[in-house]
């Protein structure tokens, strides 16, 4: 991951967009406001720390450590759009 800021449009949305056609979600995970409002829960699930399921669910591969770190950096940087 570079030292440049992580943005929702360029970095975070593409992580989830690849699953959009293949998953049923409780909310639109490609919508900035929705992801921002649910960021901690999403982070817990993608990092396998949540107790209510993992994202993405099987049979999809889990996010890589780099992808999880990028999502956390996005949160830590104040959710840049």
C-alpha atoms as a PDB file:
ATOM      1  CA  UNK A   1       0.000   0.000   0.000  1.00  0.00           C
ATOM      2  CA  UNK A   2       1.376   3.398  -0.922  1.00  0.00           C
ATOM      3  CA  UNK A   3       1.670   6.403   1.354  1.00  0.00           C
ATOM      4  CA  UNK A   4      -1.114   8.110  -0.593  1.00  0.00           C
ATOM      5  CA  UNK A   5      -4.479   8.496   1.034  1.00  0.00           C
ATOM      6  CA  UNK A   6      -6.982   5.704   0.584  1.00  0.00           C
ATOM      7  CA  UNK A   7     -10.272   6.790  -0.996  1.00  0.00           C
ATOM      8  CA  UNK A   8     -13.647   5.119  -1.122  1.00  0.00           C
ATOM      9  CA  UNK A   9     -14.081   5.705  -4.844  1.00  0.00           C
ATOM     10  CA  UNK A  10     -10.672   4.426  -5.935  1.00  0.00           C
ATOM     11  CA  UNK A  11      -9.826   1.817  -3.314  1.00  0.00           C
ATOM     12  CA  UNK A  12     -12.711   0.688  -1.110  1.00  0.00           C
ATOM     13  CA  UNK A  13     -15.669   0.489  -3.476  1.00  0.00           C
ATOM     14  CA  UNK A  14     -13.772  -1.751  -5.943  1.00  0.00           C
ATOM     15  CA  UNK A  15     -13.103  -4.233  -3.114  1.00  0.00           C
ATOM     16  CA  UNK A  16     -16.832  -4.800  -2.701  1.00  0.00           C
ATOM     17  CA  UNK A  17     -18.029  -4.107  -6.224  1.00  0.00           C
ATOM     18  CA  UNK A  18     -16.563  -7.390  -7.440  1.00  0.00           C
ATOM     19  CA  UNK A  19     -19.094  -9.251  -5.257  1.00  0.00           C
ATOM     20  CA  UNK A  20     -22.161  -7.131  -6.004  1.00  0.00           C
ATOM     21  CA  UNK A  21     -23.710  -9.478  -8.578  1.00  0.00           C
ATOM     22  CA  UNK A  22     -23.062 -12.610  -6.519  1.00  0.00           C
ATOM     23  CA  UNK A  23     -24.203 -11.666  -3.016  1.00  0.00           C
ATOM     24  CA  UNK A  24     -27.356 -10.550  -1.231  1.00  0.00           C
ATOM     25  CA  UNK A  25     -26.636  -7.745   1.222  1.00  0.00           C
ATOM     26  CA  UNK A  26     -28.586  -6.119   3.988  1.00  0.00           C
ATOM     27  CA  UNK A  27     -27.398  -2.778   2.620  1.00  0.00           C
ATOM     28  CA  UNK A  28     -25.620  -1.373  -0.442  1.00  0.00           C
ATOM     29  CA  UNK A  29     -21.970  -1.999   0.292  1.00  0.00           C
ATOM     30  CA  UNK A  30     -20.904   0.063  -2.730  1.00  0.00           C
ATOM     31  CA  UNK A  31     -22.598   3.219  -1.344  1.00  0.00           C
ATOM     32  CA  UNK A  32     -20.182   5.589   0.410  1.00  0.00           C
ATOM     33  CA  UNK A  33     -22.532   6.749   3.184  1.00  0.00           C
ATOM     34  CA  UNK A  34     -23.729   3.228   3.939  1.00  0.00           C
ATOM     35  CA  UNK A  35     -20.202   1.827   4.147  1.00  0.00           C
ATOM     36  CA  UNK A  36     -19.019   4.780   6.234  1.00  0.00           C
ATOM     37  CA  UNK A  37     -21.939   4.360   8.663  1.00  0.00           C
ATOM     38  CA  UNK A  38     -21.258   0.611   8.983  1.00  0.00           C
ATOM     39  CA  UNK A  39     -17.456   0.689   8.711  1.00  0.00           C
ATOM     40  CA  UNK A  40     -16.665  -0.889  12.085  1.00  0.00           C
ATOM     41  CA  UNK A  41     -19.037  -3.793  11.531  1.00  0.00           C
ATOM     42  CA  UNK A  42     -17.688  -4.297   8.003  1.00  0.00           C
ATOM     43  CA  UNK A  43     -14.113  -4.168   9.273  1.00  0.00           C
ATOM     44  CA  UNK A  44     -14.917  -6.725  11.978  1.00  0.00           C
ATOM     45  CA  UNK A  45     -16.379  -9.044   9.368  1.00  0.00           C
ATOM     46  CA  UNK A  46     -13.665  -8.703   6.721  1.00  0.00           C
ATOM     47  CA  UNK A  47     -10.972  -9.162   9.359  1.00  0.00           C
ATOM     48  CA  UNK A  48     -12.804 -12.204  10.784  1.00  0.00           C
ATOM     49  CA  UNK A  49     -13.276 -10.523  14.161  1.00  0.00           C
ATOM     50  CA  UNK A  50     -17.062 -10.308  14.033  1.00  0.00           C
ATOM     51  CA  UNK A  51     -19.337 -12.787  15.730  1.00  0.00           C
ATOM     52  CA  UNK A  52     -22.144 -12.463  13.190  1.00  0.00           C
ATOM     53  CA  UNK A  53     -20.449 -13.866  10.101  1.00  0.00           C
ATOM     54  CA  UNK A  54     -17.596 -13.174   7.773  1.00  0.00           C
ATOM     55  CA  UNK A  55     -17.319 -11.096   4.634  1.00  0.00           C
ATOM     56  CA  UNK A  56     -17.191 -12.215   1.985  1.00  0.00           C
ATOM     57  CA  UNK A  57     -18.938 -15.473   2.856  1.00  0.00           C
ATOM     58  CA  UNK A  58     -17.837 -18.842   1.520  1.00  0.00           C
ATOM     59  CA  UNK A  59     -17.192 -19.885  -1.186  1.00  0.00           C
ATOM     60  CA  UNK A  60     -15.508 -16.518  -1.830  1.00  0.00           C
ATOM     61  CA  UNK A  61     -11.896 -16.061  -0.789  1.00  0.00           C
ATOM     62  CA  UNK A  62     -11.354 -13.868   2.267  1.00  0.00           C
ATOM     63  CA  UNK A  63      -9.845 -10.434   1.855  1.00  0.00           C
ATOM     64  CA  UNK A  64      -6.053 -10.344   1.870  1.00  0.00           C
ATOM     65  CA  UNK A  65      -4.182  -8.768   4.781  1.00  0.00           C
ATOM     66  CA  UNK A  66      -3.329  -5.874   2.437  1.00  0.00           C
ATOM     67  CA  UNK A  67      -6.997  -5.299   1.577  1.00  0.00           C
ATOM     68  CA  UNK A  68      -7.983  -5.410   5.248  1.00  0.00           C
ATOM     69  CA  UNK A  69      -5.180  -2.958   6.104  1.00  0.00           C
ATOM     70  CA  UNK A  70      -6.361  -0.650   3.319  1.00  0.00           C
ATOM     71  CA  UNK A  71      -9.924  -0.652   4.698  1.00  0.00           C
ATOM     72  CA  UNK A  72      -8.568   0.080   8.200  1.00  0.00           C
ATOM     73  CA  UNK A  73      -6.409   2.902   6.809  1.00  0.00           C
ATOM     74  CA  UNK A  74      -9.497   4.355   5.134  1.00  0.00           C
ATOM     75  CA  UNK A  75     -11.268   4.322   8.498  1.00  0.00           C
ATOM     76  CA  UNK A  76      -8.247   5.793  10.309  1.00  0.00           C
ATOM     77  CA  UNK A  77      -7.924   8.574   7.716  1.00  0.00           C
ATOM     78  CA  UNK A  78     -11.488   9.727   8.401  1.00  0.00           C
ATOM     79  CA  UNK A  79     -13.285   7.950   5.526  1.00  0.00           C
ATOM     80  CA  UNK A  80     -12.030   9.952   2.495  1.00  0.00           C
ATOM     81  CA  UNK A  81     -14.598   9.819  -0.297  1.00  0.00           C
END
